[in-house]
């Protein structure tokens, strides 16, 4: 038996045991599972995965989570229409569609309070396929906080699809604070309407291995902000892949990802900006900054520009560095101890992203997390 058949075959029993659902869901599941069988799990020979080895996920036996199907009314028109089944983890998630969280905001509606979605893994050795569908009507405004956590060793394979109507305003946050023994793979796909304003922040603290794919397709006049912060130590591995697709003219995008690495941790950043042929007057900026605190930590960063239009303004850049010795000297010369000065500079580096969080309770929680991590309080 080939390695591909062995790996995908292990999921067949779980797939056939899924609770029955409406015909359109069954069809979507079947199409996705067939695609997953065709693709199999990615390997380091695949360009998109060459720095992230998912063999521990592929070779492990994960206990399925079964419950009656819960696919809310109103999901059929958009569910599975945005996140691509060419990603094997998206295909696997879609094959196991069973419990979908739907956020639907009618047009011209302002949702005052943040909507919180929390996924918590509770079973040792379990596999979870969280699916979130966010539909925001034209002219509406909403803030969403998506949190992932758990205890023990498990596998979370999440997909979030965001659809924004013309002129909609969405402020989205994803906080990944999984168990340090867990595996977390997630794809977020945003399809943004004309003159929509969309921002997303991906904060990654936990998991033994984490992979985040954050993708957005922009329309005419869309304004998109895609930010992230990842902090890893020990033997943790985190991989952030982003893709901002300027499909129409007059759109603007801003991207800032910052990482802190210690121990023997490994981080990957791959940021792709695509400017289509007709997307004139595009304005896009991408920045990735990394602070490496250990000689044994590794960062692989690859910013990309794919530009097919001629009247655009696009910039990108990446930096990898250690703590600023001049700043350390400045702080030490003012009576601040070495350990405290080090923690202060690390905290300030991370806080640059946290300060951009507009939800006060979330910002305070993240500040507390940073303070405890770097000051040991």
Protein backbone atom coordinates (compact mmCIF):
# COMPACT_ATOMS: atom_id res chain seq x y z
CA UNK A 1 0.00 0.00 0.00
CA UNK A 2 1.39 3.43 -0.94
CA UNK A 3 2.08 6.02 1.76
CA UNK A 4 -0.66 8.24 0.25
CA UNK A 5 -3.25 5.45 0.36
CA UNK A 6 -2.21 4.51 3.87
CA UNK A 7 -2.55 8.07 5.16
CA UNK A 8 -5.82 8.94 3.43
CA UNK A 9 -7.30 5.50 4.01
CA UNK A 10 -7.11 6.02 7.75
CA UNK A 11 -9.73 8.77 7.39
CA UNK A 12 -12.19 6.72 5.33
CA UNK A 13 -13.71 4.93 8.32
CA UNK A 14 -14.33 8.25 10.07
CA UNK A 15 -15.78 9.76 6.90
CA UNK A 16 -18.28 6.93 6.36
CA UNK A 17 -19.35 7.17 10.03
CA UNK A 18 -20.40 10.82 9.74
CA UNK A 19 -24.01 11.54 10.77
CA UNK A 20 -26.39 11.96 7.85
CA UNK A 21 -27.04 15.47 6.59
CA UNK A 22 -28.98 17.28 3.88
CA UNK A 23 -28.18 16.22 0.28
CA UNK A 24 -26.27 19.42 -0.52
CA UNK A 25 -24.00 18.85 2.49
CA UNK A 26 -23.48 15.22 1.58
CA UNK A 27 -22.48 16.26 -1.94
CA UNK A 28 -20.07 18.90 -0.62
CA UNK A 29 -18.54 16.40 1.80
CA UNK A 30 -18.10 13.79 -0.92
CA UNK A 31 -16.46 16.20 -3.36
CA UNK A 32 -14.09 17.40 -0.65
CA UNK A 33 -13.13 13.92 0.51
CA UNK A 34 -12.38 12.83 -3.04
CA UNK A 35 -10.15 15.89 -3.42
CA UNK A 36 -8.37 15.09 -0.16
CA UNK A 37 -7.74 11.52 -1.33
CA UNK A 38 -6.30 12.90 -4.58
CA UNK A 39 -3.99 15.34 -2.80
CA UNK A 40 -3.03 13.56 0.40
CA UNK A 41 -1.19 15.40 3.11
CA UNK A 42 1.45 17.86 1.86
CA UNK A 43 5.15 17.08 2.22
CA UNK A 44 8.25 19.22 2.34
CA UNK A 45 8.61 18.58 -1.41
CA UNK A 46 5.60 20.88 -1.93
CA UNK A 47 6.75 24.48 -2.29
CA UNK A 48 4.02 25.84 -0.02
CA UNK A 49 5.05 23.41 2.74
CA UNK A 50 8.79 23.02 2.30
CA UNK A 51 9.62 24.46 5.72
CA UNK A 52 6.75 22.76 7.59
CA UNK A 53 6.69 19.01 8.07
CA UNK A 54 3.22 17.70 8.91
CA UNK A 55 4.26 14.04 9.11
CA UNK A 56 3.33 13.85 12.82
CA UNK A 57 -0.21 14.87 11.89
CA UNK A 58 -0.43 12.55 8.89
CA UNK A 59 0.93 9.49 10.71
CA UNK A 60 -1.07 9.84 13.92
CA UNK A 61 -4.41 8.23 14.66
CA UNK A 62 -6.89 10.85 15.78
CA UNK A 63 -10.18 10.13 17.53
CA UNK A 64 -13.19 11.51 15.67
CA UNK A 65 -15.75 13.82 17.29
CA UNK A 66 -19.30 12.85 16.27
CA UNK A 67 -22.49 14.74 16.87
CA UNK A 68 -25.73 15.35 14.95
CA UNK A 69 -25.19 17.62 11.97
CA UNK A 70 -25.66 21.30 12.77
CA UNK A 71 -25.53 23.34 9.56
CA UNK A 72 -27.51 26.57 10.12
CA UNK A 73 -30.07 27.76 7.61
CA UNK A 74 -28.59 30.46 5.40
CA UNK A 75 -25.22 28.77 5.00
CA UNK A 76 -25.88 26.93 1.75
CA UNK A 77 -25.26 29.82 -0.65
CA UNK A 78 -21.74 30.60 0.61
CA UNK A 79 -20.40 27.63 2.58
CA UNK A 80 -17.51 25.99 0.78
CA UNK A 81 -17.54 28.57 -2.01
CA UNK A 82 -14.44 30.54 -0.95
CA UNK A 83 -11.74 28.44 0.77
CA UNK A 84 -10.10 26.34 -1.95
CA UNK A 85 -10.19 22.54 -1.87
CA UNK A 86 -6.75 22.61 -3.48
CA UNK A 87 -5.47 22.97 0.07
CA UNK A 88 -5.64 19.40 1.45
CA UNK A 89 -6.42 20.59 4.96
CA UNK A 90 -9.34 22.66 3.66
CA UNK A 91 -10.51 19.61 1.73
CA UNK A 92 -10.28 17.48 4.89
CA UNK A 93 -12.19 20.05 6.95
CA UNK A 94 -14.90 20.32 4.30
CA UNK A 95 -15.19 16.53 4.06
CA UNK A 96 -16.04 16.47 7.76
CA UNK A 97 -18.52 19.36 7.71
CA UNK A 98 -20.84 18.71 10.59
CA UNK A 99 -21.03 21.67 12.96
CA UNK A 100 -20.82 25.12 11.37
CA UNK A 101 -20.83 28.36 13.30
CA UNK A 102 -22.62 30.97 11.19
CA UNK A 103 -22.41 34.70 11.83
CA UNK A 104 -24.82 36.56 9.58
CA UNK A 105 -25.18 40.33 9.74
CA UNK A 106 -27.97 41.87 7.61
CA UNK A 107 -27.12 44.85 5.42
CA UNK A 108 -26.88 48.32 6.97
CA UNK A 109 -26.57 46.92 10.51
CA UNK A 110 -24.07 48.01 13.16
CA UNK A 111 -23.26 45.33 15.74
CA UNK A 112 -22.07 47.28 18.78
CA UNK A 113 -20.50 44.52 20.87
CA UNK A 114 -17.77 42.13 19.64
CA UNK A 115 -19.01 38.66 18.69
CA UNK A 116 -16.88 36.00 20.35
CA UNK A 117 -16.35 32.50 18.94
CA UNK A 118 -14.38 30.04 21.09
CA UNK A 119 -13.29 26.56 20.06
CA UNK A 120 -11.95 24.44 22.91
CA UNK A 121 -10.50 20.96 22.46
CA UNK A 122 -11.41 18.65 25.34
CA UNK A 123 -10.46 15.12 24.22
CA UNK A 124 -6.93 13.77 24.42
CA UNK A 125 -5.95 12.54 20.97
CA UNK A 126 -9.03 14.04 19.34
CA UNK A 127 -9.35 15.66 15.94
CA UNK A 128 -11.49 18.77 15.51
CA UNK A 129 -12.66 20.41 12.30
CA UNK A 130 -14.04 23.83 13.31
CA UNK A 131 -15.87 25.60 10.51
CA UNK A 132 -16.87 29.27 10.69
CA UNK A 133 -18.84 31.21 8.09
CA UNK A 134 -19.05 34.98 8.47
CA UNK A 135 -21.50 36.80 6.19
CA UNK A 136 -21.64 40.58 6.55
CA UNK A 137 -24.15 42.52 4.47
CA UNK A 138 -23.49 45.70 2.53
CA UNK A 139 -22.95 48.76 4.70
CA UNK A 140 -22.77 46.76 7.96
CA UNK A 141 -20.17 46.84 10.74
CA UNK A 142 -19.06 44.02 13.04
CA UNK A 143 -16.14 42.94 15.24
CA UNK A 144 -15.36 39.24 15.66
CA UNK A 145 -12.94 37.52 18.06
CA UNK A 146 -12.11 33.90 17.19
CA UNK A 147 -10.22 31.94 19.89
CA UNK A 148 -8.73 28.45 19.87
CA UNK A 149 -7.58 26.66 23.02
CA UNK A 150 -7.45 23.22 24.65
CA UNK A 151 -5.51 20.81 26.84
CA UNK A 152 -3.32 17.83 25.99
CA UNK A 153 -2.39 16.45 22.57
CA UNK A 154 -4.95 16.88 19.80
CA UNK A 155 -5.33 18.17 16.25
CA UNK A 156 -7.36 21.22 15.27
CA UNK A 157 -8.01 21.69 11.55
CA UNK A 158 -9.98 24.92 11.16
CA UNK A 159 -11.46 26.84 8.22
CA UNK A 160 -13.03 30.30 8.37
CA UNK A 161 -14.74 31.90 5.37
CA UNK A 162 -15.50 35.63 5.46
CA UNK A 163 -17.77 37.32 2.92
CA UNK A 164 -18.07 41.10 3.12
CA UNK A 165 -20.69 43.04 1.15
CA UNK A 166 -20.03 46.39 -0.50
CA UNK A 167 -19.01 49.01 2.04
CA UNK A 168 -19.00 46.56 4.96
CA UNK A 169 -16.60 47.09 7.86
CA UNK A 170 -15.15 43.99 9.55
CA UNK A 171 -12.64 43.93 12.40
CA UNK A 172 -11.53 40.33 12.91
CA UNK A 173 -9.18 38.77 15.46
CA UNK A 174 -7.87 35.23 15.71
CA UNK A 175 -6.15 34.17 18.93
CA UNK A 176 -4.39 30.80 18.85
CA UNK A 177 -3.52 29.68 22.36
CA UNK A 178 -3.67 25.92 21.90
CA UNK A 179 -1.99 23.44 24.22
CA UNK A 180 1.76 23.25 23.74
CA UNK A 181 1.31 19.59 22.74
CA UNK A 182 -1.37 20.30 20.11
CA UNK A 183 -1.31 20.67 16.34
CA UNK A 184 -3.17 23.60 14.78
CA UNK A 185 -3.74 24.07 11.04
CA UNK A 186 -6.11 26.81 9.90
CA UNK A 187 -7.18 28.61 6.74
CA UNK A 188 -9.02 31.89 6.64
CA UNK A 189 -10.38 33.07 3.30
CA UNK A 190 -11.93 36.52 2.98
CA UNK A 191 -13.87 37.66 -0.09
CA UNK A 192 -14.30 41.41 0.13
CA UNK A 193 -16.82 43.58 -1.69
CA UNK A 194 -16.45 46.99 -3.27
CA UNK A 195 -15.16 49.68 -0.84
CA UNK A 196 -15.24 47.21 2.06
CA UNK A 197 -12.94 47.87 5.02
CA UNK A 198 -11.46 44.69 6.45
CA UNK A 199 -8.85 44.12 9.13
CA UNK A 200 -7.63 40.87 10.64
CA UNK A 201 -5.07 40.15 13.35
CA UNK A 202 -3.66 36.64 13.84
CA UNK A 203 -2.06 36.16 17.26
CA UNK A 204 -0.23 32.85 17.73
CA UNK A 205 1.14 31.73 21.10
CA UNK A 206 0.49 27.99 21.48
CA UNK A 207 0.72 24.58 19.75
CA UNK A 208 3.68 22.35 19.06
CA UNK A 209 3.06 23.02 15.38
CA UNK A 210 0.86 25.80 14.03
CA UNK A 211 0.12 26.74 10.44
CA UNK A 212 -2.00 29.78 9.59
CA UNK A 213 -3.10 30.59 6.03
CA UNK A 214 -4.69 34.05 5.85
CA UNK A 215 -6.02 34.94 2.40
CA UNK A 216 -8.02 37.90 1.15
CA UNK A 217 -9.41 38.78 -2.28
CA UNK A 218 -9.99 42.52 -2.70
CA UNK A 219 -12.49 44.29 -4.92
CA UNK A 220 -12.64 47.85 -6.28
CA UNK A 221 -11.67 50.34 -3.57
CA UNK A 222 -11.29 47.73 -0.80
CA UNK A 223 -9.10 48.63 2.18
CA UNK A 224 -7.53 45.59 3.88
CA UNK A 225 -5.23 45.27 6.90
CA UNK A 226 -3.62 41.89 7.59
CA UNK A 227 -1.51 41.80 10.76
CA UNK A 228 0.00 39.07 12.89
CA UNK A 229 2.12 38.32 15.94
CA UNK A 230 3.75 34.97 16.67
CA UNK A 231 5.76 34.08 19.77
CA UNK A 232 7.46 30.68 19.94
CA UNK A 233 10.05 29.06 22.17
CA UNK A 234 11.26 25.60 23.11
CA UNK A 235 10.72 23.34 20.11
CA UNK A 236 7.61 25.10 18.79
CA UNK A 237 7.06 25.58 15.07
CA UNK A 238 4.80 28.26 13.56
CA UNK A 239 4.15 28.92 9.87
CA UNK A 240 2.25 31.97 8.60
CA UNK A 241 1.29 32.09 4.93
CA UNK A 242 -0.61 35.14 3.72
CA UNK A 243 -2.01 35.99 0.31
CA UNK A 244 -3.54 39.35 -0.56
CA UNK A 245 -5.09 39.28 -4.01
CA UNK A 246 -5.74 42.71 -5.56
CA UNK A 247 -8.29 41.57 -8.11
CA UNK A 248 -9.71 45.04 -8.87
CA UNK A 249 -8.34 48.61 -9.10
CA UNK A 250 -8.06 51.30 -6.41
CA UNK A 251 -7.61 48.88 -3.49
CA UNK A 252 -5.23 49.35 -0.56
CA UNK A 253 -3.63 46.76 1.68
CA UNK A 254 -1.33 47.00 4.69
CA UNK A 255 0.39 44.03 6.28
CA UNK A 256 2.57 43.79 9.40
CA UNK A 257 3.69 40.47 10.86
CA UNK A 258 6.11 40.35 13.80
CA UNK A 259 7.69 37.28 15.36
CA UNK A 260 9.69 36.50 18.50
CA UNK A 261 11.71 33.27 18.62
CA UNK A 262 13.60 31.65 21.46
CA UNK A 263 15.02 28.22 22.28
CA UNK A 264 15.19 25.96 19.22
CA UNK A 265 11.91 27.28 17.82
CA UNK A 266 11.31 27.56 14.07
CA UNK A 267 9.12 30.19 12.41
CA UNK A 268 8.10 30.58 8.78
CA UNK A 269 6.60 33.63 7.10
CA UNK A 270 5.53 33.67 3.47
CA UNK A 271 3.62 36.77 2.40
CA UNK A 272 2.29 37.01 -1.14
CA UNK A 273 0.83 40.14 -2.72
CA UNK A 274 -0.87 39.59 -6.09
CA UNK A 275 -1.82 42.52 -8.31
CA UNK A 276 -3.99 41.47 -11.24
CA UNK A 277 -3.69 42.97 -14.72
CA UNK A 278 -6.68 45.29 -14.31
CA UNK A 279 -5.92 46.27 -10.70
CA UNK A 280 -4.49 49.69 -11.49
CA UNK A 281 -3.92 52.25 -8.70
CA UNK A 282 -3.16 49.49 -6.22
CA UNK A 283 -1.38 50.59 -3.05
CA UNK A 284 0.11 47.76 -0.98
CA UNK A 285 2.71 47.54 1.77
CA UNK A 286 4.00 44.39 3.49
CA UNK A 287 6.43 44.15 6.41
CA UNK A 288 7.75 41.17 8.35
CA UNK A 289 10.01 41.75 11.38
CA UNK A 290 11.54 39.03 13.51
CA UNK A 291 13.36 39.14 16.84
CA UNK A 292 15.57 36.10 17.39
CA UNK A 293 16.62 35.61 21.01
CA UNK A 294 18.58 32.37 20.66
CA UNK A 295 21.39 31.16 18.44
CA UNK A 296 19.44 27.96 17.86
CA UNK A 297 16.13 29.52 16.75
CA UNK A 298 15.44 29.62 12.99
CA UNK A 299 13.28 31.93 10.86
CA UNK A 300 12.54 31.45 7.16
CA UNK A 301 10.90 34.52 5.68
CA UNK A 302 9.85 35.07 2.09
CA UNK A 303 7.91 38.17 1.01
CA UNK A 304 6.58 37.96 -2.55
CA UNK A 305 5.20 40.42 -5.07
CA UNK A 306 3.38 39.24 -8.20
CA UNK A 307 2.49 42.37 -10.17
CA UNK A 308 0.70 42.28 -13.53
CA UNK A 309 -0.44 45.92 -13.60
CA UNK A 310 1.80 48.95 -14.30
CA UNK A 311 0.24 51.82 -12.32
CA UNK A 312 0.75 50.58 -8.76
CA UNK A 313 2.67 51.34 -5.59
CA UNK A 314 3.85 48.18 -3.81
CA UNK A 315 6.58 47.66 -1.23
CA UNK A 316 7.68 44.76 0.91
CA UNK A 317 10.47 43.99 3.33
CA UNK A 318 11.64 41.58 5.97
CA UNK A 319 14.09 41.93 8.85
CA UNK A 320 15.69 39.43 11.21
CA UNK A 321 17.62 40.69 14.19
CA UNK A 322 18.59 40.38 17.80
CA UNK A 323 18.04 42.80 20.66
CA UNK A 324 19.45 46.26 19.99
CA UNK A 325 22.70 46.50 21.95
CA UNK A 326 22.59 50.30 21.93
CA UNK A 327 19.14 50.28 23.46
CA UNK A 328 20.28 47.72 26.02
CA UNK A 329 23.21 49.97 26.91
CA UNK A 330 20.91 53.00 27.14
CA UNK A 331 18.56 51.24 29.54
CA UNK A 332 21.41 49.76 31.62
CA UNK A 333 23.03 53.19 31.91
CA UNK A 334 19.82 54.43 33.55
CA UNK A 335 19.90 51.86 36.29
CA UNK A 336 17.74 49.15 34.70
CA UNK A 337 19.03 45.62 35.26
CA UNK A 338 20.07 43.42 32.35
CA UNK A 339 17.17 40.95 32.61
CA UNK A 340 14.60 43.72 33.02
CA UNK A 341 16.04 45.71 30.11
CA UNK A 342 15.90 42.62 27.91
CA UNK A 343 12.28 41.94 28.86
CA UNK A 344 11.35 45.58 28.30
CA UNK A 345 12.71 45.59 24.74
CA UNK A 346 11.02 42.27 23.87
CA UNK A 347 7.74 43.48 25.32
CA UNK A 348 7.93 46.74 23.33
CA UNK A 349 8.62 44.83 20.11
CA UNK A 350 5.52 42.67 20.55
CA UNK A 351 3.31 45.44 21.88
CA UNK A 352 3.56 47.27 18.57
CA UNK A 353 1.09 44.77 17.11
CA UNK A 354 -1.02 44.40 20.26
CA UNK A 355 -1.58 48.17 20.37
CA UNK A 356 -3.38 47.88 17.03
CA UNK A 357 -6.09 45.70 18.61
CA UNK A 358 -9.24 47.81 18.94
CA UNK A 359 -11.15 45.58 21.40
CA UNK A 360 -10.17 46.83 24.89
CA UNK A 361 -10.76 43.54 26.74
CA UNK A 362 -8.78 41.55 24.16
CA UNK A 363 -5.96 44.09 24.09
CA UNK A 364 -5.69 44.01 27.89
CA UNK A 365 -5.68 40.20 27.87
CA UNK A 366 -2.88 40.11 25.30
CA UNK A 367 -0.88 42.74 27.20
CA UNK A 368 -1.21 40.63 30.35
CA UNK A 369 -0.04 37.56 28.45
CA UNK A 370 3.01 39.43 27.14
CA UNK A 371 3.83 40.91 30.52
CA UNK A 372 3.68 37.53 32.24
CA UNK A 373 5.72 35.88 29.51
CA UNK A 374 8.53 38.43 29.48
CA UNK A 375 8.52 39.64 33.06
CA UNK A 376 7.60 36.37 34.74
CA UNK A 377 4.95 38.12 36.86
